[in-house]
Amino acid sequence: MANQPSACIYGDQSNQTVPVLLFQCQGRQVWICPKHLPILIHNPVRLADELPGLKLAGSPESHS
């Protein structure tokens, strides 16, 4: 996997063209670019197709 370019889960841009950030979800490593990071933070339901079985934590107010 080290030789393969890592691509944004949402936009499919590779680390050859933009920086990508690594996160883990359901035991799998996933990459996302900074442009799409707000989707992961504020509207993760939009990633449901790419991350089947994603369980959302609820509103940010409940994270205290």
N, C-alpha and C. Protein backbone atom coordinates (compact mmCIF):
# COMPACT_ATOMS: atom_id res chain seq x y z
N MET A 1 0.82 -1.20 0.00
CA MET A 1 0.00 0.00 0.00
C MET A 1 0.87 1.26 0.00
N ALA A 2 2.09 1.16 0.46
CA ALA A 2 2.96 2.33 0.52
C ALA A 2 3.26 2.89 -0.87
N ASN A 3 3.23 2.07 -1.88
CA ASN A 3 3.52 2.53 -3.24
C ASN A 3 2.30 3.10 -3.94
N GLN A 4 1.11 2.83 -3.43
CA GLN A 4 -0.10 3.34 -4.05
C GLN A 4 -0.38 4.75 -3.54
N PRO A 5 -0.82 5.65 -4.41
CA PRO A 5 -1.22 6.96 -3.92
C PRO A 5 -2.46 6.84 -3.04
N SER A 6 -2.49 7.59 -1.98
CA SER A 6 -3.66 7.61 -1.11
C SER A 6 -4.63 8.65 -1.66
N ALA A 7 -5.91 8.30 -1.70
CA ALA A 7 -6.91 9.18 -2.31
C ALA A 7 -7.98 9.56 -1.30
N CYS A 8 -8.49 10.76 -1.44
CA CYS A 8 -9.58 11.26 -0.61
C CYS A 8 -10.82 10.38 -0.81
N ILE A 9 -11.41 9.98 0.30
CA ILE A 9 -12.59 9.11 0.24
C ILE A 9 -13.77 9.81 -0.42
N TYR A 10 -13.83 11.13 -0.33
CA TYR A 10 -14.98 11.85 -0.86
C TYR A 10 -14.72 12.41 -2.25
N GLY A 11 -13.55 12.94 -2.48
CA GLY A 11 -13.30 13.61 -3.75
C GLY A 11 -12.41 12.85 -4.71
N ASP A 12 -11.81 11.75 -4.26
CA ASP A 12 -10.94 10.92 -5.08
C ASP A 12 -9.67 11.61 -5.57
N GLN A 13 -9.29 12.74 -5.00
CA GLN A 13 -8.01 13.34 -5.37
C GLN A 13 -6.92 12.60 -4.61
N SER A 14 -5.81 12.35 -5.27
CA SER A 14 -4.74 11.58 -4.63
C SER A 14 -3.75 12.49 -3.93
N ASN A 15 -2.91 11.87 -3.13
CA ASN A 15 -1.87 12.62 -2.44
C ASN A 15 -0.79 13.10 -3.41
N GLN A 16 -0.92 12.76 -4.67
CA GLN A 16 -0.01 13.26 -5.69
C GLN A 16 -0.38 14.69 -6.09
N THR A 17 -1.64 15.09 -5.81
CA THR A 17 -2.09 16.43 -6.21
C THR A 17 -2.47 17.33 -5.04
N VAL A 18 -2.92 16.75 -3.93
CA VAL A 18 -3.31 17.52 -2.74
C VAL A 18 -2.84 16.77 -1.49
N PRO A 19 -2.68 17.49 -0.37
CA PRO A 19 -2.39 16.77 0.87
C PRO A 19 -3.63 15.98 1.30
N VAL A 20 -3.43 14.84 1.89
CA VAL A 20 -4.54 14.06 2.44
C VAL A 20 -4.22 13.69 3.88
N LEU A 21 -5.28 13.58 4.69
CA LEU A 21 -5.16 13.25 6.09
C LEU A 21 -5.69 11.84 6.33
N LEU A 22 -5.01 11.10 7.17
CA LEU A 22 -5.40 9.73 7.49
C LEU A 22 -6.27 9.72 8.74
N PHE A 23 -7.37 8.95 8.69
CA PHE A 23 -8.14 8.67 9.90
C PHE A 23 -8.56 7.21 9.83
N GLN A 24 -9.00 6.69 10.96
CA GLN A 24 -9.43 5.30 11.00
C GLN A 24 -10.91 5.23 11.31
N CYS A 25 -11.59 4.33 10.64
CA CYS A 25 -13.02 4.13 10.86
C CYS A 25 -13.33 2.66 10.66
N GLN A 26 -13.94 2.06 11.64
CA GLN A 26 -14.35 0.66 11.56
C GLN A 26 -13.17 -0.25 11.23
N GLY A 27 -12.02 0.04 11.83
CA GLY A 27 -10.84 -0.78 11.62
C GLY A 27 -10.16 -0.61 10.29
N ARG A 28 -10.54 0.39 9.54
CA ARG A 28 -9.92 0.60 8.23
C ARG A 28 -9.31 1.99 8.16
N GLN A 29 -8.22 2.12 7.44
CA GLN A 29 -7.58 3.42 7.25
C GLN A 29 -8.22 4.12 6.07
N VAL A 30 -8.57 5.38 6.29
CA VAL A 30 -9.28 6.17 5.29
C VAL A 30 -8.58 7.51 5.16
N TRP A 31 -8.53 8.04 3.95
CA TRP A 31 -7.89 9.32 3.67
C TRP A 31 -8.93 10.35 3.28
N ILE A 32 -8.69 11.60 3.67
CA ILE A 32 -9.58 12.69 3.27
C ILE A 32 -8.73 13.94 3.06
N CYS A 33 -9.08 14.72 2.07
CA CYS A 33 -8.32 15.94 1.79
C CYS A 33 -8.87 17.09 2.64
N PRO A 34 -8.08 18.13 2.86
CA PRO A 34 -8.54 19.27 3.67
C PRO A 34 -9.82 19.93 3.15
N LYS A 35 -10.01 19.92 1.85
CA LYS A 35 -11.23 20.52 1.28
C LYS A 35 -12.48 19.79 1.77
N HIS A 36 -12.39 18.47 1.95
CA HIS A 36 -13.55 17.69 2.36
C HIS A 36 -13.59 17.36 3.85
N LEU A 37 -12.58 17.77 4.60
CA LEU A 37 -12.56 17.55 6.04
C LEU A 37 -13.78 18.16 6.74
N PRO A 38 -14.25 19.35 6.35
CA PRO A 38 -15.47 19.87 6.99
C PRO A 38 -16.68 18.95 6.84
N ILE A 39 -16.75 18.19 5.77
CA ILE A 39 -17.86 17.24 5.61
C ILE A 39 -17.77 16.18 6.70
N LEU A 40 -16.57 15.66 6.93
CA LEU A 40 -16.38 14.66 7.98
C LEU A 40 -16.76 15.22 9.35
N ILE A 41 -16.41 16.47 9.60
CA ILE A 41 -16.66 17.09 10.91
C ILE A 41 -18.12 17.51 11.07
N HIS A 42 -18.69 18.19 10.08
CA HIS A 42 -19.99 18.82 10.24
C HIS A 42 -21.16 18.07 9.62
N ASN A 43 -20.90 17.21 8.65
CA ASN A 43 -21.99 16.53 7.95
C ASN A 43 -21.56 15.11 7.55
N PRO A 44 -21.14 14.29 8.51
CA PRO A 44 -20.60 12.98 8.17
C PRO A 44 -21.59 12.04 7.49
N VAL A 45 -22.88 12.34 7.59
CA VAL A 45 -23.86 11.50 6.91
C VAL A 45 -23.61 11.48 5.40
N ARG A 46 -22.98 12.52 4.87
CA ARG A 46 -22.66 12.55 3.43
C ARG A 46 -21.61 11.52 3.05
N LEU A 47 -20.93 10.94 4.04
CA LEU A 47 -19.93 9.90 3.78
C LEU A 47 -20.51 8.50 3.94
N ALA A 48 -21.81 8.39 4.16
CA ALA A 48 -22.43 7.10 4.42
C ALA A 48 -22.20 6.09 3.30
N ASP A 49 -22.18 6.52 2.06
CA ASP A 49 -21.96 5.59 0.94
C ASP A 49 -20.53 5.04 0.96
N GLU A 50 -19.57 5.87 1.37
CA GLU A 50 -18.18 5.46 1.39
C GLU A 50 -17.83 4.69 2.66
N LEU A 51 -18.59 4.89 3.73
CA LEU A 51 -18.34 4.24 5.02
C LEU A 51 -19.61 3.54 5.49
N PRO A 52 -19.98 2.42 4.85
CA PRO A 52 -21.21 1.73 5.23
C PRO A 52 -21.15 1.31 6.71
N GLY A 53 -22.26 1.43 7.38
CA GLY A 53 -22.34 1.06 8.79
C GLY A 53 -21.85 2.13 9.73
N LEU A 54 -21.53 3.32 9.22
CA LEU A 54 -21.05 4.42 10.04
C LEU A 54 -22.10 4.78 11.08
N LYS A 55 -21.71 4.77 12.33
CA LYS A 55 -22.60 5.17 13.41
C LYS A 55 -22.24 6.59 13.82
N LEU A 56 -23.19 7.48 13.75
CA LEU A 56 -22.95 8.88 14.07
C LEU A 56 -23.14 9.12 15.56
N ALA A 57 -22.31 9.97 16.15
CA ALA A 57 -22.28 10.18 17.59
C ALA A 57 -23.36 11.12 18.10
N GLY A 58 -24.05 11.83 17.26
CA GLY A 58 -25.06 12.77 17.71
C GLY A 58 -24.55 14.20 17.61
N SER A 59 -25.23 15.09 18.28
CA SER A 59 -24.88 16.51 18.18
C SER A 59 -23.59 16.80 18.92
N PRO A 60 -22.84 17.82 18.47
CA PRO A 60 -21.58 18.18 19.15
C PRO A 60 -21.77 18.55 20.62
N GLU A 61 -22.95 19.06 21.00
CA GLU A 61 -23.20 19.41 22.37
C GLU A 61 -23.14 18.20 23.29
N SER A 62 -23.39 17.01 22.75
CA SER A 62 -23.39 15.80 23.58
C SER A 62 -21.99 15.23 23.77
N HIS A 63 -20.95 15.89 23.27
CA HIS A 63 -19.59 15.37 23.33
C HIS A 63 -18.80 15.88 24.54
N SER A 64 -19.46 16.38 25.55
CA SER A 64 -18.74 16.94 26.70
C SER A 64 -18.28 15.87 27.67
